[in-house]
Amino acid sequence: MGDITLLGMEFSGGMAMATMFLAIIAIGANCKLFMKCEQPIWAAVIPGYNVVIAMRILGRPDAHALLFLVPVLNVFFFLKTVIELAQAFGKRSMTDFVLAAVFNVFYVLNLSLAYQEEYEGPVYGKSAHRTSGLQAA
């Protein structure tokens, strides 16, 4: 496969194939994740709307999806939402947070394909005491 020019940048054929392969894995993981969270599967393949559905899975308002359009803020907001996704599946250790932030596509794939992982519900707005199980008297 020859070089591909896209928006003035050249990509090798191998790089394009690797990117397509990871994109297919990410879409499949999102579809399965949406199934686990009882959301419509078709929403995982519609750009923009899949982010709105992800905000609903986390319990965030739909308007928070617009924060992904802010250039620098989107990186930090992405990391925060990935960690909240891990929390929504009961993963609350620092190891899980680091794995979710660094190996995002593969962590979401693990959450979506592992039978023992169950969606516990939205986590946005819950205090640290309620999510860790420590109720105030």
N, C-alpha and C. Protein backbone atom coordinates (compact mmCIF):
# COMPACT_ATOMS: atom_id res chain seq x y z
N MET A 1 0.85 -1.16 0.00
CA MET A 1 0.00 0.00 0.00
C MET A 1 0.90 1.23 0.00
N GLY A 2 0.61 2.18 -0.86
CA GLY A 2 1.43 3.37 -0.99
C GLY A 2 1.11 4.41 0.08
N ASP A 3 1.78 5.53 -0.03
CA ASP A 3 1.54 6.62 0.91
C ASP A 3 0.19 7.27 0.63
N ILE A 4 -0.43 7.75 1.70
CA ILE A 4 -1.73 8.41 1.61
C ILE A 4 -1.55 9.85 2.05
N THR A 5 -2.05 10.80 1.26
CA THR A 5 -1.97 12.21 1.63
C THR A 5 -3.36 12.64 2.09
N LEU A 6 -3.41 13.14 3.33
CA LEU A 6 -4.67 13.57 3.92
C LEU A 6 -4.44 14.92 4.58
N LEU A 7 -5.16 15.94 4.11
CA LEU A 7 -5.03 17.30 4.63
C LEU A 7 -3.59 17.81 4.60
N GLY A 8 -2.87 17.45 3.56
CA GLY A 8 -1.50 17.92 3.39
C GLY A 8 -0.45 17.13 4.14
N MET A 9 -0.85 16.08 4.87
CA MET A 9 0.11 15.26 5.60
C MET A 9 0.17 13.88 4.94
N GLU A 10 1.37 13.33 4.88
CA GLU A 10 1.53 12.01 4.27
C GLU A 10 1.56 10.94 5.35
N PHE A 11 0.80 9.89 5.11
CA PHE A 11 0.76 8.73 5.99
C PHE A 11 1.17 7.51 5.19
N SER A 12 1.96 6.64 5.82
CA SER A 12 2.32 5.40 5.13
C SER A 12 1.11 4.47 5.15
N GLY A 13 1.11 3.52 4.26
CA GLY A 13 0.01 2.57 4.20
C GLY A 13 -0.13 1.76 5.47
N GLY A 14 1.01 1.41 6.07
CA GLY A 14 0.98 0.65 7.32
C GLY A 14 0.36 1.45 8.46
N MET A 15 0.67 2.72 8.51
CA MET A 15 0.10 3.58 9.55
C MET A 15 -1.41 3.72 9.36
N ALA A 16 -1.84 3.85 8.12
CA ALA A 16 -3.27 3.95 7.83
C ALA A 16 -3.99 2.67 8.21
N MET A 17 -3.39 1.53 7.91
CA MET A 17 -4.00 0.24 8.27
C MET A 17 -4.08 0.07 9.79
N ALA A 18 -3.03 0.44 10.50
CA ALA A 18 -3.03 0.34 11.96
C ALA A 18 -4.09 1.25 12.57
N THR A 19 -4.24 2.45 12.03
CA THR A 19 -5.25 3.38 12.52
C THR A 19 -6.65 2.85 12.28
N MET A 20 -6.89 2.29 11.10
CA MET A 20 -8.21 1.71 10.80
C MET A 20 -8.50 0.53 11.71
N PHE A 21 -7.48 -0.29 11.98
CA PHE A 21 -7.65 -1.45 12.86
C PHE A 21 -8.03 -1.00 14.26
N LEU A 22 -7.34 0.00 14.80
CA LEU A 22 -7.67 0.51 16.13
C LEU A 22 -9.05 1.17 16.16
N ALA A 23 -9.42 1.83 15.07
CA ALA A 23 -10.74 2.46 15.00
C ALA A 23 -11.84 1.41 15.02
N ILE A 24 -11.65 0.31 14.32
CA ILE A 24 -12.65 -0.76 14.31
C ILE A 24 -12.76 -1.39 15.70
N ILE A 25 -11.64 -1.58 16.37
CA ILE A 25 -11.67 -2.11 17.73
C ILE A 25 -12.41 -1.14 18.66
N ALA A 26 -12.13 0.15 18.53
CA ALA A 26 -12.77 1.15 19.39
C ALA A 26 -14.29 1.20 19.16
N ILE A 27 -14.72 1.13 17.92
CA ILE A 27 -16.15 1.15 17.62
C ILE A 27 -16.83 -0.10 18.18
N GLY A 28 -16.18 -1.26 18.02
CA GLY A 28 -16.73 -2.49 18.58
C GLY A 28 -16.83 -2.44 20.09
N ALA A 29 -15.80 -1.90 20.74
CA ALA A 29 -15.82 -1.78 22.20
C ALA A 29 -16.92 -0.83 22.65
N ASN A 30 -17.10 0.27 21.93
CA ASN A 30 -18.16 1.21 22.27
C ASN A 30 -19.54 0.58 22.11
N CYS A 31 -19.75 -0.17 21.04
CA CYS A 31 -21.04 -0.83 20.83
C CYS A 31 -21.35 -1.78 21.99
N LYS A 32 -20.39 -2.59 22.36
CA LYS A 32 -20.60 -3.54 23.46
C LYS A 32 -20.79 -2.81 24.79
N LEU A 33 -20.06 -1.72 24.99
CA LEU A 33 -20.20 -0.93 26.22
C LEU A 33 -21.60 -0.32 26.29
N PHE A 34 -22.09 0.21 25.19
CA PHE A 34 -23.43 0.78 25.16
C PHE A 34 -24.47 -0.29 25.45
N MET A 35 -24.25 -1.51 24.97
CA MET A 35 -25.16 -2.62 25.27
C MET A 35 -25.20 -2.88 26.77
N LYS A 36 -24.04 -2.92 27.41
CA LYS A 36 -23.98 -3.18 28.85
C LYS A 36 -24.69 -2.09 29.65
N CYS A 37 -24.64 -0.87 29.16
CA CYS A 37 -25.24 0.26 29.86
C CYS A 37 -26.67 0.50 29.42
N GLU A 38 -27.23 -0.42 28.65
CA GLU A 38 -28.61 -0.37 28.16
C GLU A 38 -28.91 0.91 27.36
N GLN A 39 -27.98 1.24 26.49
CA GLN A 39 -28.14 2.37 25.57
C GLN A 39 -28.24 1.80 24.14
N PRO A 40 -28.80 2.56 23.21
CA PRO A 40 -28.91 2.05 21.84
C PRO A 40 -27.54 1.82 21.20
N ILE A 41 -27.36 0.66 20.60
CA ILE A 41 -26.07 0.29 20.01
C ILE A 41 -25.74 1.20 18.83
N TRP A 42 -26.73 1.54 18.03
CA TRP A 42 -26.49 2.34 16.84
C TRP A 42 -25.91 3.71 17.20
N ALA A 43 -26.13 4.17 18.43
CA ALA A 43 -25.62 5.48 18.84
C ALA A 43 -24.09 5.50 18.94
N ALA A 44 -23.48 4.33 19.06
CA ALA A 44 -22.02 4.26 19.20
C ALA A 44 -21.30 4.63 17.90
N VAL A 45 -21.96 4.55 16.77
CA VAL A 45 -21.30 4.81 15.49
C VAL A 45 -21.62 6.19 14.91
N ILE A 46 -22.43 6.98 15.61
CA ILE A 46 -22.78 8.31 15.13
C ILE A 46 -21.90 9.34 15.84
N PRO A 47 -20.98 9.97 15.10
CA PRO A 47 -20.07 10.94 15.74
C PRO A 47 -20.84 12.07 16.40
N GLY A 48 -20.41 12.45 17.57
CA GLY A 48 -21.06 13.52 18.32
C GLY A 48 -22.14 12.97 19.23
N TYR A 49 -23.09 12.24 18.65
CA TYR A 49 -24.17 11.68 19.46
C TYR A 49 -23.63 10.62 20.41
N ASN A 50 -22.59 9.89 20.01
CA ASN A 50 -22.02 8.89 20.91
C ASN A 50 -21.41 9.55 22.15
N VAL A 51 -20.92 10.76 22.03
CA VAL A 51 -20.37 11.48 23.18
C VAL A 51 -21.51 11.91 24.11
N VAL A 52 -22.64 12.32 23.54
CA VAL A 52 -23.81 12.69 24.34
C VAL A 52 -24.29 11.48 25.14
N ILE A 53 -24.36 10.33 24.48
CA ILE A 53 -24.79 9.10 25.17
C ILE A 53 -23.78 8.73 26.25
N ALA A 54 -22.49 8.93 25.99
CA ALA A 54 -21.47 8.65 27.00
C ALA A 54 -21.66 9.55 28.22
N MET A 55 -22.03 10.80 28.00
CA MET A 55 -22.30 11.70 29.12
C MET A 55 -23.50 11.20 29.93
N ARG A 56 -24.51 10.65 29.26
CA ARG A 56 -25.66 10.09 29.96
C ARG A 56 -25.27 8.86 30.77
N ILE A 57 -24.37 8.04 30.23
CA ILE A 57 -23.89 6.86 30.96
C ILE A 57 -23.20 7.29 32.25
N LEU A 58 -22.45 8.38 32.20
CA LEU A 58 -21.74 8.87 33.37
C LEU A 58 -22.64 9.67 34.31
N GLY A 59 -23.83 10.04 33.84
CA GLY A 59 -24.74 10.84 34.65
C GLY A 59 -24.52 12.33 34.49
N ARG A 60 -23.74 12.71 33.52
CA ARG A 60 -23.47 14.13 33.27
C ARG A 60 -24.57 14.72 32.38
N PRO A 61 -24.77 16.03 32.46
CA PRO A 61 -25.71 16.68 31.54
C PRO A 61 -25.23 16.55 30.09
N ASP A 62 -26.17 16.51 29.16
CA ASP A 62 -25.82 16.37 27.74
C ASP A 62 -24.91 17.51 27.26
N ALA A 63 -25.06 18.69 27.83
CA ALA A 63 -24.29 19.85 27.40
C ALA A 63 -22.79 19.68 27.70
N HIS A 64 -22.43 18.78 28.60
CA HIS A 64 -21.01 18.57 28.89
C HIS A 64 -20.27 17.95 27.70
N ALA A 65 -21.00 17.41 26.75
CA ALA A 65 -20.36 16.89 25.54
C ALA A 65 -19.68 18.01 24.75
N LEU A 66 -20.18 19.22 24.89
CA LEU A 66 -19.59 20.37 24.18
C LEU A 66 -18.20 20.71 24.71
N LEU A 67 -17.86 20.28 25.93
CA LEU A 67 -16.54 20.57 26.48
C LEU A 67 -15.43 19.87 25.71
N PHE A 68 -15.78 18.84 24.95
CA PHE A 68 -14.78 18.17 24.11
C PHE A 68 -14.36 19.03 22.93
N LEU A 69 -15.07 20.11 22.66
CA LEU A 69 -14.73 21.00 21.55
C LEU A 69 -13.77 22.11 21.95
N VAL A 70 -13.52 22.29 23.24
CA VAL A 70 -12.60 23.32 23.72
C VAL A 70 -11.18 22.77 23.61
N PRO A 71 -10.28 23.44 22.87
CA PRO A 71 -8.99 22.86 22.50
C PRO A 71 -8.12 22.28 23.61
N VAL A 72 -7.79 22.97 24.65
CA VAL A 72 -6.88 22.43 25.67
C VAL A 72 -7.66 21.69 26.75
N LEU A 73 -8.82 22.21 27.07
CA LEU A 73 -9.64 21.62 28.12
C LEU A 73 -10.07 20.20 27.77
N ASN A 74 -10.22 19.90 26.48
CA ASN A 74 -10.74 18.59 26.09
C ASN A 74 -9.84 17.44 26.53
N VAL A 75 -8.53 17.64 26.59
CA VAL A 75 -7.62 16.58 27.01
C VAL A 75 -7.87 16.23 28.48
N PHE A 76 -7.96 17.25 29.32
CA PHE A 76 -8.19 17.01 30.75
C PHE A 76 -9.60 16.47 31.00
N PHE A 77 -10.56 16.99 30.26
CA PHE A 77 -11.94 16.51 30.41
C PHE A 77 -12.06 15.07 29.95
N PHE A 78 -11.33 14.70 28.89
CA PHE A 78 -11.33 13.32 28.41
C PHE A 78 -10.80 12.38 29.49
N LEU A 79 -9.69 12.75 30.12
CA LEU A 79 -9.13 11.92 31.18
C LEU A 79 -10.10 11.79 32.35
N LYS A 80 -10.78 12.88 32.70
CA LYS A 80 -11.75 12.84 33.79
C LYS A 80 -12.92 11.93 33.45
N THR A 81 -13.41 11.98 32.23
CA THR A 81 -14.55 11.14 31.86
C THR A 81 -14.15 9.67 31.77
N VAL A 82 -12.93 9.38 31.36
CA VAL A 82 -12.47 7.99 31.32
C VAL A 82 -12.40 7.42 32.73
N ILE A 83 -11.92 8.22 33.67
CA ILE A 83 -11.85 7.77 35.06
C ILE A 83 -13.25 7.59 35.62
N GLU A 84 -14.18 8.48 35.28
CA GLU A 84 -15.56 8.32 35.72
C GLU A 84 -16.20 7.08 35.11
N LEU A 85 -15.82 6.74 33.88
CA LEU A 85 -16.33 5.51 33.27
C LEU A 85 -15.85 4.29 34.05
N ALA A 86 -14.59 4.30 34.44
CA ALA A 86 -14.07 3.20 35.26
C ALA A 86 -14.83 3.12 36.58
N GLN A 87 -15.13 4.25 37.19
CA GLN A 87 -15.88 4.27 38.43
C GLN A 87 -17.30 3.76 38.24
N ALA A 88 -17.89 4.04 37.08
CA ALA A 88 -19.25 3.56 36.81
C ALA A 88 -19.31 2.04 36.73
N PHE A 89 -18.17 1.42 36.51
CA PHE A 89 -18.09 -0.04 36.49
C PHE A 89 -17.48 -0.60 37.77
N GLY A 90 -17.39 0.23 38.81
CA GLY A 90 -16.90 -0.23 40.10
C GLY A 90 -15.40 -0.25 40.25
N LYS A 91 -14.68 0.33 39.33
CA LYS A 91 -13.21 0.38 39.39
C LYS A 91 -12.81 1.68 40.06
N ARG A 92 -12.27 1.59 41.28
CA ARG A 92 -11.95 2.80 42.02
C ARG A 92 -10.52 2.85 42.53
N SER A 93 -9.65 1.98 42.06
CA SER A 93 -8.26 2.00 42.52
C SER A 93 -7.43 2.89 41.59
N MET A 94 -6.31 3.34 42.10
CA MET A 94 -5.42 4.20 41.30
C MET A 94 -4.89 3.43 40.09
N THR A 95 -4.65 2.14 40.24
CA THR A 95 -4.18 1.32 39.13
C THR A 95 -5.18 1.34 37.99
N ASP A 96 -6.47 1.20 38.32
CA ASP A 96 -7.51 1.24 37.29
C ASP A 96 -7.56 2.60 36.61
N PHE A 97 -7.38 3.66 37.38
CA PHE A 97 -7.43 5.00 36.80
C PHE A 97 -6.28 5.22 35.82
N VAL A 98 -5.09 4.76 36.19
CA VAL A 98 -3.91 4.91 35.31
C VAL A 98 -4.09 4.07 34.05
N LEU A 99 -4.55 2.83 34.21
CA LEU A 99 -4.78 1.97 33.05
C LEU A 99 -5.83 2.57 32.12
N ALA A 100 -6.90 3.12 32.69
CA ALA A 100 -7.96 3.72 31.88
C ALA A 100 -7.46 4.93 31.12
N ALA A 101 -6.61 5.73 31.75
CA ALA A 101 -6.10 6.94 31.11
C ALA A 101 -5.06 6.64 30.04
N VAL A 102 -4.20 5.65 30.28
CA VAL A 102 -3.10 5.37 29.35
C VAL A 102 -3.52 4.44 28.22
N PHE A 103 -4.25 3.39 28.54
CA PHE A 103 -4.64 2.39 27.54
C PHE A 103 -6.14 2.46 27.29
N ASN A 104 -6.63 3.64 26.93
CA ASN A 104 -8.06 3.90 26.85
C ASN A 104 -8.82 2.89 26.01
N VAL A 105 -8.45 2.72 24.76
CA VAL A 105 -9.20 1.84 23.86
C VAL A 105 -9.24 0.42 24.40
N PHE A 106 -8.12 -0.05 24.89
CA PHE A 106 -8.06 -1.42 25.38
C PHE A 106 -8.73 -1.58 26.74
N TYR A 107 -8.75 -0.52 27.55
CA TYR A 107 -9.44 -0.58 28.84
C TYR A 107 -10.94 -0.62 28.62
N VAL A 108 -11.44 0.20 27.71
CA VAL A 108 -12.87 0.18 27.38
C VAL A 108 -13.24 -1.16 26.77
N LEU A 109 -12.36 -1.72 25.95
CA LEU A 109 -12.58 -3.05 25.39
C LEU A 109 -12.68 -4.09 26.50
N ASN A 110 -11.82 -3.99 27.50
CA ASN A 110 -11.87 -4.91 28.63
C ASN A 110 -13.16 -4.74 29.42
N LEU A 111 -13.57 -3.51 29.69
CA LEU A 111 -14.81 -3.27 30.42
C LEU A 111 -16.02 -3.81 29.66
N SER A 112 -15.99 -3.66 28.35
CA SER A 112 -17.15 -4.06 27.56
C SER A 112 -17.21 -5.56 27.31
N LEU A 113 -16.08 -6.24 27.20
CA LEU A 113 -16.10 -7.67 26.85
C LEU A 113 -16.01 -8.61 28.05
N ALA A 114 -15.53 -8.14 29.19
CA ALA A 114 -15.39 -9.01 30.36
C ALA A 114 -16.77 -9.28 30.96
N TYR A 115 -17.08 -10.54 31.14
CA TYR A 115 -18.39 -10.92 31.67
C TYR A 115 -18.59 -10.47 33.12
N GLN A 116 -17.52 -10.43 33.91
CA GLN A 116 -17.65 -10.09 35.32
C GLN A 116 -17.83 -8.59 35.55
N GLU A 117 -17.57 -7.77 34.55
CA GLU A 117 -17.72 -6.32 34.70
C GLU A 117 -19.17 -5.94 34.47
N GLU A 118 -19.76 -5.25 35.46
CA GLU A 118 -21.16 -4.83 35.35
C GLU A 118 -21.26 -3.33 35.59
N TYR A 119 -22.14 -2.72 34.83
CA TYR A 119 -22.39 -1.29 34.95
C TYR A 119 -23.17 -1.06 36.24
N GLU A 120 -22.61 -0.20 37.11
CA GLU A 120 -23.25 0.07 38.40
C GLU A 120 -24.11 1.32 38.38
N GLY A 121 -23.97 2.15 37.39
CA GLY A 121 -24.79 3.35 37.28
C GLY A 121 -23.95 4.61 37.21
N PRO A 122 -24.60 5.75 36.99
CA PRO A 122 -23.90 7.02 36.86
C PRO A 122 -23.15 7.38 38.13
N VAL A 123 -22.02 8.08 37.97
CA VAL A 123 -21.20 8.48 39.11
C VAL A 123 -21.03 9.98 39.24
N TYR A 124 -21.39 10.74 38.23
CA TYR A 124 -21.18 12.19 38.26
C TYR A 124 -22.03 12.81 39.37
N GLY A 125 -21.39 13.66 40.17
CA GLY A 125 -22.11 14.36 41.22
C GLY A 125 -22.15 13.62 42.53
N LYS A 126 -21.70 12.39 42.58
CA LYS A 126 -21.67 11.65 43.84
C LYS A 126 -20.40 12.03 44.58
N SER A 127 -20.52 12.17 45.88
CA SER A 127 -19.34 12.53 46.67
C SER A 127 -18.44 11.32 46.83
N ALA A 128 -17.20 11.54 47.24
CA ALA A 128 -16.24 10.46 47.43
C ALA A 128 -16.69 9.53 48.54
N HIS A 129 -17.42 10.04 49.52
CA HIS A 129 -17.88 9.19 50.62
C HIS A 129 -18.92 8.19 50.14
N ARG A 130 -19.84 8.64 49.29
CA ARG A 130 -20.87 7.73 48.81
C ARG A 130 -20.33 6.71 47.83
N THR A 131 -19.35 7.09 46.98
CA THR A 131 -18.84 6.14 46.02
C THR A 131 -17.92 5.11 46.65
N SER A 132 -17.31 5.43 47.78
CA SER A 132 -16.44 4.46 48.42
C SER A 132 -17.17 3.62 49.44
N GLY A 133 -18.44 3.92 49.68
CA GLY A 133 -19.23 3.11 50.59
C GLY A 133 -19.19 3.61 52.03
N LEU A 134 -18.56 4.73 52.31
CA LEU A 134 -18.48 5.27 53.66
C LEU A 134 -19.59 6.29 53.85
N GLN A 135 -20.66 5.91 54.49
CA GLN A 135 -21.78 6.79 54.72
C GLN A 135 -21.55 7.60 55.99
N ALA A 136 -21.88 8.87 55.94
CA ALA A 136 -21.77 9.70 57.14
C ALA A 136 -22.93 9.39 58.06
N ALA A 137 -22.66 9.40 59.35
CA ALA A 137 -23.70 9.06 60.33
C ALA A 137 -24.64 10.21 60.58
